Amino acid sequence: MLIVTTETITGKELEMLGLVKGSTIQTKNIGRDITQGFKTLVGGELTAYNDMMNDARALATKRMVAEAEALGADAIVCTRYASSAVMQGAAEVIAYGTAVRFRT
């Protein structure tokens, strides 16, 4: 599955199939949350949260691709990601775009 952030794919005529999306809500365990809280006192990268967000983006993308495949899509254009805090230490990540089929 080709996934792009652009509206077009060079050399391809596209048939729009519709919006596809995937989302997930992720959190870290309380022990990790406490250790990352201490990190805010001294500064630096919060690697546990960075890993959590990377995993969340990957899972949201996987779910978006599954939706596109169910529609018979060849690609997803105009792909975007958004995230929001659901509660302290938990975040929702959504991936969305337009599923398209290549015209021959």
PDB file of N, CA and C in Angstrom:
ATOM      1  N   MET A   1       0.852  -1.180   0.000  1.00  0.00           N
ATOM      2  CA  MET A   1       0.000   0.000   0.000  1.00  0.00           C
ATOM      3  C   MET A   1       0.891   1.234   0.000  1.00  0.00           C
ATOM      4  N   LEU A   2       0.662   2.088  -0.986  1.00  0.00           N
ATOM      5  CA  LEU A   2       1.393   3.345  -1.078  1.00  0.00           C
ATOM      6  C   LEU A   2       0.670   4.381  -0.218  1.00  0.00           C
ATOM      7  N   ILE A   3       1.401   5.052   0.655  1.00  0.00           N
ATOM      8  CA  ILE A   3       0.834   6.065   1.541  1.00  0.00           C
ATOM      9  C   ILE A   3       1.614   7.356   1.320  1.00  0.00           C
ATOM     10  N   VAL A   4       0.897   8.417   0.922  1.00  0.00           N
ATOM     11  CA  VAL A   4       1.552   9.698   0.659  1.00  0.00           C
ATOM     12  C   VAL A   4       0.781  10.830   1.324  1.00  0.00           C
ATOM     13  N   THR A   5       1.465  11.953   1.520  1.00  0.00           N
ATOM     14  CA  THR A   5       0.822  13.131   2.101  1.00  0.00           C
ATOM     15  C   THR A   5       0.320  14.084   1.015  1.00  0.00           C
ATOM     16  N   THR A   6       0.668  13.814  -0.215  1.00  0.00           N
ATOM     17  CA  THR A   6       0.262  14.672  -1.328  1.00  0.00           C
ATOM     18  C   THR A   6      -1.132  14.310  -1.829  1.00  0.00           C
ATOM     19  N   GLU A   7      -1.719  15.219  -2.628  1.00  0.00           N
ATOM     20  CA  GLU A   7      -3.047  14.976  -3.183  1.00  0.00           C
ATOM     21  C   GLU A   7      -3.016  14.096  -4.418  1.00  0.00           C
ATOM     22  N   THR A   8      -1.867  14.012  -5.055  1.00  0.00           N
ATOM     23  CA  THR A   8      -1.735  13.251  -6.299  1.00  0.00           C
ATOM     24  C   THR A   8      -0.536  12.315  -6.202  1.00  0.00           C
ATOM     25  N   ILE A   9      -0.492  11.385  -7.133  1.00  0.00           N
ATOM     26  CA  ILE A   9       0.670  10.495  -7.270  1.00  0.00           C
ATOM     27  C   ILE A   9       1.124  10.637  -8.712  1.00  0.00           C
ATOM     28  N   THR A  10       2.343  11.069  -8.908  1.00  0.00           N
ATOM     29  CA  THR A  10       2.870  11.335 -10.238  1.00  0.00           C
ATOM     30  C   THR A  10       2.682  10.124 -11.152  1.00  0.00           C
ATOM     31  N   GLY A  11       2.119  10.398 -12.328  1.00  0.00           N
ATOM     32  CA  GLY A  11       1.940   9.360 -13.329  1.00  0.00           C
ATOM     33  C   GLY A  11       0.730   8.464 -13.125  1.00  0.00           C
ATOM     34  N   LYS A  12      -0.086   8.752 -12.116  1.00  0.00           N
ATOM     35  CA  LYS A  12      -1.259   7.913 -11.828  1.00  0.00           C
ATOM     36  C   LYS A  12      -2.533   8.747 -11.900  1.00  0.00           C
ATOM     37  N   GLU A  13      -3.561   8.175 -12.512  1.00  0.00           N
ATOM     38  CA  GLU A  13      -4.890   8.768 -12.462  1.00  0.00           C
ATOM     39  C   GLU A  13      -5.619   8.062 -11.334  1.00  0.00           C
ATOM     40  N   LEU A  14      -6.230   8.841 -10.449  1.00  0.00           N
ATOM     41  CA  LEU A  14      -6.791   8.275  -9.225  1.00  0.00           C
ATOM     42  C   LEU A  14      -8.312   8.287  -9.226  1.00  0.00           C
ATOM     43  N   GLU A  15      -8.882   7.204  -8.721  1.00  0.00           N
ATOM     44  CA  GLU A  15     -10.305   7.119  -8.449  1.00  0.00           C
ATOM     45  C   GLU A  15     -10.458   7.165  -6.930  1.00  0.00           C
ATOM     46  N   MET A  16     -11.147   8.182  -6.435  1.00  0.00           N
ATOM     47  CA  MET A  16     -11.317   8.347  -4.990  1.00  0.00           C
ATOM     48  C   MET A  16     -12.328   7.336  -4.461  1.00  0.00           C
ATOM     49  N   LEU A  17     -11.963   6.661  -3.385  1.00  0.00           N
ATOM     50  CA  LEU A  17     -12.854   5.669  -2.771  1.00  0.00           C
ATOM     51  C   LEU A  17     -13.473   6.165  -1.471  1.00  0.00           C
ATOM     52  N   GLY A  18     -12.818   7.097  -0.804  1.00  0.00           N
ATOM     53  CA  GLY A  18     -13.375   7.648   0.422  1.00  0.00           C
ATOM     54  C   GLY A  18     -12.366   7.762   1.548  1.00  0.00           C
ATOM     55  N   LEU A  19     -12.850   8.345   2.631  1.00  0.00           N
ATOM     56  CA  LEU A  19     -12.048   8.556   3.832  1.00  0.00           C
ATOM     57  C   LEU A  19     -11.734   7.232   4.516  1.00  0.00           C
ATOM     58  N   VAL A  20     -10.499   7.082   4.932  1.00  0.00           N
ATOM     59  CA  VAL A  20     -10.102   5.940   5.763  1.00  0.00           C
ATOM     60  C   VAL A  20      -9.365   6.479   6.972  1.00  0.00           C
ATOM     61  N   LYS A  21      -9.493   5.772   8.086  1.00  0.00           N
ATOM     62  CA  LYS A  21      -8.826   6.221   9.301  1.00  0.00           C
ATOM     63  C   LYS A  21      -8.507   5.048  10.195  1.00  0.00           C
ATOM     64  N   GLY A  22      -7.602   5.293  11.092  1.00  0.00           N
ATOM     65  CA  GLY A  22      -7.247   4.316  12.113  1.00  0.00           C
ATOM     66  C   GLY A  22      -6.859   5.085  13.355  1.00  0.00           C
ATOM     67  N   SER A  23      -7.206   4.568  14.504  1.00  0.00           N
ATOM     68  CA  SER A  23      -6.847   5.272  15.723  1.00  0.00           C
ATOM     69  C   SER A  23      -6.541   4.293  16.847  1.00  0.00           C
ATOM     70  N   THR A  24      -5.911   4.815  17.859  1.00  0.00           N
ATOM     71  CA  THR A  24      -5.607   4.038  19.053  1.00  0.00           C
ATOM     72  C   THR A  24      -5.408   5.001  20.216  1.00  0.00           C
ATOM     73  N   ILE A  25      -5.645   4.501  21.406  1.00  0.00           N
ATOM     74  CA  ILE A  25      -5.330   5.255  22.625  1.00  0.00           C
ATOM     75  C   ILE A  25      -4.301   4.429  23.378  1.00  0.00           C
ATOM     76  N   GLN A  26      -3.188   5.051  23.682  1.00  0.00           N
ATOM     77  CA  GLN A  26      -2.070   4.366  24.325  1.00  0.00           C
ATOM     78  C   GLN A  26      -1.747   5.027  25.662  1.00  0.00           C
ATOM     79  N   THR A  27      -1.224   4.232  26.566  1.00  0.00           N
ATOM     80  CA  THR A  27      -0.763   4.745  27.849  1.00  0.00           C
ATOM     81  C   THR A  27       0.448   3.927  28.299  1.00  0.00           C
ATOM     82  N   LYS A  28       1.206   4.482  29.194  1.00  0.00           N
ATOM     83  CA  LYS A  28       2.326   3.764  29.803  1.00  0.00           C
ATOM     84  C   LYS A  28       1.900   3.305  31.189  1.00  0.00           C
ATOM     85  N   ASN A  29       2.576   2.267  31.683  1.00  0.00           N
ATOM     86  CA  ASN A  29       2.225   1.803  33.030  1.00  0.00           C
ATOM     87  C   ASN A  29       2.656   2.831  34.079  1.00  0.00           C
ATOM     88  N   ILE A  30       2.098   2.732  35.231  1.00  0.00           N
ATOM     89  CA  ILE A  30       2.310   3.724  36.291  1.00  0.00           C
ATOM     90  C   ILE A  30       3.782   3.871  36.670  1.00  0.00           C
ATOM     91  N   GLY A  31       4.534   2.781  36.659  1.00  0.00           N
ATOM     92  CA  GLY A  31       5.968   2.849  36.977  1.00  0.00           C
ATOM     93  C   GLY A  31       6.722   3.703  35.979  1.00  0.00           C
ATOM     94  N   ARG A  32       6.429   3.510  34.697  1.00  0.00           N
ATOM     95  CA  ARG A  32       7.062   4.318  33.653  1.00  0.00           C
ATOM     96  C   ARG A  32       6.624   5.771  33.758  1.00  0.00           C
ATOM     97  N   ASP A  33       5.359   5.974  34.089  1.00  0.00           N
ATOM     98  CA  ASP A  33       4.830   7.328  34.204  1.00  0.00           C
ATOM     99  C   ASP A  33       5.560   8.096  35.301  1.00  0.00           C
ATOM    100  N   ILE A  34       5.816   7.437  36.428  1.00  0.00           N
ATOM    101  CA  ILE A  34       6.526   8.074  37.542  1.00  0.00           C
ATOM    102  C   ILE A  34       7.965   8.405  37.149  1.00  0.00           C
ATOM    103  N   THR A  35       8.660   7.464  36.514  1.00  0.00           N
ATOM    104  CA  THR A  35      10.055   7.723  36.131  1.00  0.00           C
ATOM    105  C   THR A  35      10.145   8.825  35.089  1.00  0.00           C
ATOM    106  N   GLN A  36       9.173   8.896  34.175  1.00  0.00           N
ATOM    107  CA  GLN A  36       9.184   9.970  33.186  1.00  0.00           C
ATOM    108  C   GLN A  36       8.870  11.310  33.848  1.00  0.00           C
ATOM    109  N   GLY A  37       8.061  11.282  34.909  1.00  0.00           N
ATOM    110  CA  GLY A  37       7.769  12.503  35.668  1.00  0.00           C
ATOM    111  C   GLY A  37       9.025  13.066  36.309  1.00  0.00           C
ATOM    112  N   PHE A  38       9.885  12.196  36.839  1.00  0.00           N
ATOM    113  CA  PHE A  38      11.156  12.653  37.418  1.00  0.00           C
ATOM    114  C   PHE A  38      12.036  13.288  36.351  1.00  0.00           C
ATOM    115  N   LYS A  39      11.947  12.775  35.131  1.00  0.00           N
ATOM    116  CA  LYS A  39      12.764  13.287  34.037  1.00  0.00           C
ATOM    117  C   LYS A  39      12.447  14.759  33.760  1.00  0.00           C
ATOM    118  N   THR A  40      11.210  15.164  34.024  1.00  0.00           N
ATOM    119  CA  THR A  40      10.850  16.562  33.782  1.00  0.00           C
ATOM    120  C   THR A  40      11.587  17.513  34.715  1.00  0.00           C
ATOM    121  N   LEU A  41      12.094  16.999  35.826  1.00  0.00           N
ATOM    122  CA  LEU A  41      12.846  17.834  36.758  1.00  0.00           C
ATOM    123  C   LEU A  41      14.229  18.191  36.236  1.00  0.00           C
ATOM    124  N   VAL A  42      14.833  17.267  35.495  1.00  0.00           N
ATOM    125  CA  VAL A  42      16.201  17.490  35.020  1.00  0.00           C
ATOM    126  C   VAL A  42      16.266  17.785  33.528  1.00  0.00           C
ATOM    127  N   GLY A  43      15.177  17.562  32.813  1.00  0.00           N
ATOM    128  CA  GLY A  43      15.151  17.824  31.377  1.00  0.00           C
ATOM    129  C   GLY A  43      15.621  16.633  30.568  1.00  0.00           C
ATOM    130  N   GLY A  44      15.439  16.723  29.284  1.00  0.00           N
ATOM    131  CA  GLY A  44      15.853  15.666  28.379  1.00  0.00           C
ATOM    132  C   GLY A  44      14.661  15.004  27.716  1.00  0.00           C
ATOM    133  N   GLU A  45      14.963  14.091  26.819  1.00  0.00           N
ATOM    134  CA  GLU A  45      13.933  13.394  26.054  1.00  0.00           C
ATOM    135  C   GLU A  45      13.199  12.381  26.920  1.00  0.00           C
ATOM    136  N   LEU A  46      11.894  12.346  26.787  1.00  0.00           N
ATOM    137  CA  LEU A  46      11.070  11.362  27.496  1.00  0.00           C
ATOM    138  C   LEU A  46      10.935  10.146  26.585  1.00  0.00           C
ATOM    139  N   THR A  47      11.936   9.288  26.610  1.00  0.00           N
ATOM    140  CA  THR A  47      12.011   8.194  25.649  1.00  0.00           C
ATOM    141  C   THR A  47      10.851   7.212  25.760  1.00  0.00           C
ATOM    142  N   ALA A  48      10.350   6.978  26.955  1.00  0.00           N
ATOM    143  CA  ALA A  48       9.223   6.049  27.097  1.00  0.00           C
ATOM    144  C   ALA A  48       7.989   6.595  26.386  1.00  0.00           C
ATOM    145  N   TYR A  49       7.759   7.901  26.498  1.00  0.00           N
ATOM    146  CA  TYR A  49       6.625   8.504  25.805  1.00  0.00           C
ATOM    147  C   TYR A  49       6.871   8.586  24.301  1.00  0.00           C
ATOM    148  N   ASN A  50       8.108   8.838  23.921  1.00  0.00           N
ATOM    149  CA  ASN A  50       8.461   8.844  22.505  1.00  0.00           C
ATOM    150  C   ASN A  50       8.174   7.475  21.893  1.00  0.00           C
ATOM    151  N   ASP A  51       8.589   6.427  22.574  1.00  0.00           N
ATOM    152  CA  ASP A  51       8.326   5.063  22.106  1.00  0.00           C
ATOM    153  C   ASP A  51       6.829   4.791  22.044  1.00  0.00           C
ATOM    154  N   MET A  52       6.095   5.249  23.058  1.00  0.00           N
ATOM    155  CA  MET A  52       4.657   5.049  23.095  1.00  0.00           C
ATOM    156  C   MET A  52       3.991   5.712  21.881  1.00  0.00           C
ATOM    157  N   MET A  53       4.387   6.930  21.565  1.00  0.00           N
ATOM    158  CA  MET A  53       3.781   7.648  20.437  1.00  0.00           C
ATOM    159  C   MET A  53       4.171   7.011  19.105  1.00  0.00           C
ATOM    160  N   ASN A  54       5.398   6.534  18.973  1.00  0.00           N
ATOM    161  CA  ASN A  54       5.798   5.825  17.756  1.00  0.00           C
ATOM    162  C   ASN A  54       4.965   4.568  17.564  1.00  0.00           C
ATOM    163  N   ASP A  55       4.777   3.813  18.642  1.00  0.00           N
ATOM    164  CA  ASP A  55       3.948   2.606  18.573  1.00  0.00           C
ATOM    165  C   ASP A  55       2.510   2.955  18.219  1.00  0.00           C
ATOM    166  N   ALA A  56       1.992   4.029  18.790  1.00  0.00           N
ATOM    167  CA  ALA A  56       0.615   4.451  18.522  1.00  0.00           C
ATOM    168  C   ALA A  56       0.451   4.858  17.059  1.00  0.00           C
ATOM    169  N   ARG A  57       1.406   5.597  16.513  1.00  0.00           N
ATOM    170  CA  ARG A  57       1.328   5.990  15.097  1.00  0.00           C
ATOM    171  C   ARG A  57       1.367   4.774  14.199  1.00  0.00           C
ATOM    172  N   ALA A  58       2.227   3.817  14.519  1.00  0.00           N
ATOM    173  CA  ALA A  58       2.325   2.602  13.711  1.00  0.00           C
ATOM    174  C   ALA A  58       1.011   1.818  13.737  1.00  0.00           C
ATOM    175  N   LEU A  59       0.400   1.684  14.893  1.00  0.00           N
ATOM    176  CA  LEU A  59      -0.862   0.953  15.011  1.00  0.00           C
ATOM    177  C   LEU A  59      -1.996   1.694  14.305  1.00  0.00           C
ATOM    178  N   ALA A  60      -2.056   3.009  14.454  1.00  0.00           N
ATOM    179  CA  ALA A  60      -3.091   3.793  13.766  1.00  0.00           C
ATOM    180  C   ALA A  60      -2.931   3.673  12.252  1.00  0.00           C
ATOM    181  N   THR A  61      -1.693   3.708  11.768  1.00  0.00           N
ATOM    182  CA  THR A  61      -1.432   3.549  10.335  1.00  0.00           C
ATOM    183  C   THR A  61      -1.869   2.175   9.856  1.00  0.00           C
ATOM    184  N   LYS A  62      -1.540   1.148  10.621  1.00  0.00           N
ATOM    185  CA  LYS A  62      -1.923  -0.222  10.262  1.00  0.00           C
ATOM    186  C   LYS A  62      -3.446  -0.347  10.144  1.00  0.00           C
ATOM    187  N   ARG A  63      -4.175   0.257  11.058  1.00  0.00           N
ATOM    188  CA  ARG A  63      -5.641   0.196  11.029  1.00  0.00           C
ATOM    189  C   ARG A  63      -6.203   0.990   9.851  1.00  0.00           C
ATOM    190  N   MET A  64      -5.573   2.127   9.529  1.00  0.00           N
ATOM    191  CA  MET A  64      -5.993   2.911   8.372  1.00  0.00           C
ATOM    192  C   MET A  64      -5.787   2.119   7.086  1.00  0.00           C
ATOM    193  N   VAL A  65      -4.640   1.469   6.958  1.00  0.00           N
ATOM    194  CA  VAL A  65      -4.338   0.661   5.776  1.00  0.00           C
ATOM    195  C   VAL A  65      -5.329  -0.495   5.656  1.00  0.00           C
ATOM    196  N   ALA A  66      -5.682  -1.137   6.751  1.00  0.00           N
ATOM    197  CA  ALA A  66      -6.650  -2.232   6.715  1.00  0.00           C
ATOM    198  C   ALA A  66      -7.994  -1.750   6.185  1.00  0.00           C
ATOM    199  N   GLU A  67      -8.417  -0.559   6.597  1.00  0.00           N
ATOM    200  CA  GLU A  67      -9.671   0.013   6.097  1.00  0.00           C
ATOM    201  C   GLU A  67      -9.589   0.268   4.597  1.00  0.00           C
ATOM    202  N   ALA A  68      -8.436   0.784   4.148  1.00  0.00           N
ATOM    203  CA  ALA A  68      -8.245   1.068   2.724  1.00  0.00           C
ATOM    204  C   ALA A  68      -8.232  -0.228   1.911  1.00  0.00           C
ATOM    205  N   GLU A  69      -7.564  -1.253   2.424  1.00  0.00           N
ATOM    206  CA  GLU A  69      -7.519  -2.535   1.721  1.00  0.00           C
ATOM    207  C   GLU A  69      -8.917  -3.136   1.590  1.00  0.00           C
ATOM    208  N   ALA A  70      -9.751  -2.962   2.607  1.00  0.00           N
ATOM    209  CA  ALA A  70     -11.123  -3.477   2.564  1.00  0.00           C
ATOM    210  C   ALA A  70     -11.933  -2.801   1.454  1.00  0.00           C
ATOM    211  N   LEU A  71     -11.553  -1.577   1.087  1.00  0.00           N
ATOM    212  CA  LEU A  71     -12.221  -0.867  -0.003  1.00  0.00           C
ATOM    213  C   LEU A  71     -11.622  -1.193  -1.368  1.00  0.00           C
ATOM    214  N   GLY A  72     -10.548  -1.970  -1.380  1.00  0.00           N
ATOM    215  CA  GLY A  72      -9.870  -2.297  -2.631  1.00  0.00           C
ATOM    216  C   GLY A  72      -8.920  -1.209  -3.100  1.00  0.00           C
ATOM    217  N   ALA A  73      -8.411  -0.410  -2.191  1.00  0.00           N
ATOM    218  CA  ALA A  73      -7.533   0.712  -2.534  1.00  0.00           C
ATOM    219  C   ALA A  73      -6.135   0.250  -2.921  1.00  0.00           C
ATOM    220  N   ASP A  74      -5.517   1.049  -3.775  1.00  0.00           N
ATOM    221  CA  ASP A  74      -4.115   0.847  -4.136  1.00  0.00           C
ATOM    222  C   ASP A  74      -3.200   1.766  -3.337  1.00  0.00           C
ATOM    223  N   ALA A  75      -3.779   2.869  -2.841  1.00  0.00           N
ATOM    224  CA  ALA A  75      -2.965   3.870  -2.138  1.00  0.00           C
ATOM    225  C   ALA A  75      -3.856   4.709  -1.227  1.00  0.00           C
ATOM    226  N   ILE A  76      -3.187   5.484  -0.375  1.00  0.00           N
ATOM    227  CA  ILE A  76      -3.869   6.469   0.469  1.00  0.00           C
ATOM    228  C   ILE A  76      -3.162   7.794   0.236  1.00  0.00           C
ATOM    229  N   VAL A  77      -3.936   8.810  -0.167  1.00  0.00           N
ATOM    230  CA  VAL A  77      -3.368  10.133  -0.402  1.00  0.00           C
ATOM    231  C   VAL A  77      -3.845  11.081   0.700  1.00  0.00           C
ATOM    232  N   CYS A  78      -3.190  12.231   0.767  1.00  0.00           N
ATOM    233  CA  CYS A  78      -3.533  13.265   1.768  1.00  0.00           C
ATOM    234  C   CYS A  78      -3.484  12.713   3.187  1.00  0.00           C
ATOM    235  N   THR A  79      -2.529  11.854   3.477  1.00  0.00           N
ATOM    236  CA  THR A  79      -2.426  11.247   4.799  1.00  0.00           C
ATOM    237  C   THR A  79      -2.018  12.287   5.841  1.00  0.00           C
ATOM    238  N   ARG A  80      -2.705  12.234   6.968  1.00  0.00           N
ATOM    239  CA  ARG A  80      -2.420  13.140   8.072  1.00  0.00           C
ATOM    240  C   ARG A  80      -2.459  12.368   9.388  1.00  0.00           C
ATOM    241  N   TYR A  81      -1.791  12.917  10.391  1.00  0.00           N
ATOM    242  CA  TYR A  81      -1.809  12.357  11.746  1.00  0.00           C
ATOM    243  C   TYR A  81      -2.219  13.452  12.718  1.00  0.00           C
ATOM    244  N   ALA A  82      -2.939  13.067  13.740  1.00  0.00           N
ATOM    245  CA  ALA A  82      -3.303  13.999  14.806  1.00  0.00           C
ATOM    246  C   ALA A  82      -3.229  13.243  16.124  1.00  0.00           C
ATOM    247  N   SER A  83      -2.974  13.985  17.187  1.00  0.00           N
ATOM    248  CA  SER A  83      -2.954  13.349  18.505  1.00  0.00           C
ATOM    249  C   SER A  83      -3.554  14.297  19.522  1.00  0.00           C
ATOM    250  N   SER A  84      -4.047  13.714  20.587  1.00  0.00           N
ATOM    251  CA  SER A  84      -4.593  14.516  21.675  1.00  0.00           C
ATOM    252  C   SER A  84      -4.447  13.747  22.976  1.00  0.00           C
ATOM    253  N   ALA A  85      -4.318  14.491  24.045  1.00  0.00           N
ATOM    254  CA  ALA A  85      -4.241  13.872  25.374  1.00  0.00           C
ATOM    255  C   ALA A  85      -5.650  13.478  25.793  1.00  0.00           C
ATOM    256  N   VAL A  86      -5.789  12.243  26.245  1.00  0.00           N
ATOM    257  CA  VAL A  86      -7.081  11.758  26.714  1.00  0.00           C
ATOM    258  C   VAL A  86      -7.160  11.931  28.225  1.00  0.00           C
ATOM    259  N   MET A  87      -6.046  11.648  28.873  1.00  0.00           N
ATOM    260  CA  MET A  87      -5.886  11.846  30.310  1.00  0.00           C
ATOM    261  C   MET A  87      -4.385  11.904  30.552  1.00  0.00           C
ATOM    262  N   GLN A  88      -3.964  12.205  31.742  1.00  0.00           N
ATOM    263  CA  GLN A  88      -2.529  12.288  31.996  1.00  0.00           C
ATOM    264  C   GLN A  88      -1.874  10.949  31.706  1.00  0.00           C
ATOM    265  N   GLY A  89      -0.861  10.976  30.843  1.00  0.00           N
ATOM    266  CA  GLY A  89      -0.126   9.767  30.514  1.00  0.00           C
ATOM    267  C   GLY A  89      -0.752   8.928  29.423  1.00  0.00           C
ATOM    268  N   ALA A  90      -1.882   9.369  28.848  1.00  0.00           N
ATOM    269  CA  ALA A  90      -2.536   8.627  27.772  1.00  0.00           C
ATOM    270  C   ALA A  90      -2.810   9.567  26.608  1.00  0.00           C
ATOM    271  N   ALA A  91      -2.616   9.060  25.410  1.00  0.00           N
ATOM    272  CA  ALA A  91      -2.823   9.881  24.227  1.00  0.00           C
ATOM    273  C   ALA A  91      -3.542   9.084  23.150  1.00  0.00           C
ATOM    274  N   GLU A  92      -4.399   9.778  22.405  1.00  0.00           N
ATOM    275  CA  GLU A  92      -5.036   9.193  21.234  1.00  0.00           C
ATOM    276  C   GLU A  92      -4.258   9.651  20.016  1.00  0.00           C
ATOM    277  N   VAL A  93      -4.019   8.734  19.100  1.00  0.00           N
ATOM    278  CA  VAL A  93      -3.403   9.062  17.821  1.00  0.00           C
ATOM    279  C   VAL A  93      -4.350   8.580  16.739  1.00  0.00           C
ATOM    280  N   ILE A  94      -4.602   9.449  15.756  1.00  0.00           N
ATOM    281  CA  ILE A  94      -5.431   9.074  14.619  1.00  0.00           C
ATOM    282  C   ILE A  94      -4.658   9.336  13.337  1.00  0.00           C
ATOM    283  N   ALA A  95      -4.752   8.400  12.427  1.00  0.00           N
ATOM    284  CA  ALA A  95      -4.195   8.545  11.088  1.00  0.00           C
ATOM    285  C   ALA A  95      -5.387   8.544  10.134  1.00  0.00           C
ATOM    286  N   TYR A  96      -5.385   9.459   9.160  1.00  0.00           N
ATOM    287  CA  TYR A  96      -6.497   9.495   8.223  1.00  0.00           C
ATOM    288  C   TYR A  96      -6.030   9.985   6.860  1.00  0.00           C
ATOM    289  N   GLY A  97      -6.775   9.629   5.842  1.00  0.00           N
ATOM    290  CA  GLY A  97      -6.459  10.028   4.492  1.00  0.00           C
ATOM    291  C   GLY A  97      -7.568   9.580   3.549  1.00  0.00           C
ATOM    292  N   THR A  98      -7.308   9.712   2.255  1.00  0.00           N
ATOM    293  CA  THR A  98      -8.273   9.336   1.241  1.00  0.00           C
ATOM    294  C   THR A  98      -7.783   8.093   0.513  1.00  0.00           C
ATOM    295  N   ALA A  99      -8.600   7.040   0.551  1.00  0.00           N
ATOM    296  CA  ALA A  99      -8.273   5.809  -0.157  1.00  0.00           C
ATOM    297  C   ALA A  99      -8.536   6.031  -1.646  1.00  0.00           C
ATOM    298  N   VAL A 100      -7.607   5.572  -2.477  1.00  0.00           N
ATOM    299  CA  VAL A 100      -7.746   5.720  -3.930  1.00  0.00           C
ATOM    300  C   VAL A 100      -7.397   4.409  -4.633  1.00  0.00           C
ATOM    301  N   ARG A 101      -7.960   4.271  -5.818  1.00  0.00           N
ATOM    302  CA  ARG A 101      -7.631   3.145  -6.701  1.00  0.00           C
ATOM    303  C   ARG A 101      -7.006   3.740  -7.950  1.00  0.00           C
ATOM    304  N   PHE A 102      -5.995   3.066  -8.491  1.00  0.00           N
ATOM    305  CA  PHE A 102      -5.359   3.531  -9.730  1.00  0.00           C
ATOM    306  C   PHE A 102      -6.250   3.174 -10.904  1.00  0.00           C
ATOM    307  N   ARG A 103      -6.504   4.138 -11.770  1.00  0.00           N
ATOM    308  CA  ARG A 103      -7.241   3.882 -13.009  1.00  0.00           C
ATOM    309  C   ARG A 103      -6.257   3.381 -14.053  1.00  0.00           C
ATOM    310  N   THR A 104      -6.660   2.429 -14.820  1.00  0.00           N
ATOM    311  CA  THR A 104      -5.747   1.883 -15.845  1.00  0.00           C
ATOM    312  C   THR A 104      -6.062   2.397 -17.223  1.00  0.00           C
TER     313      THR A 104
END
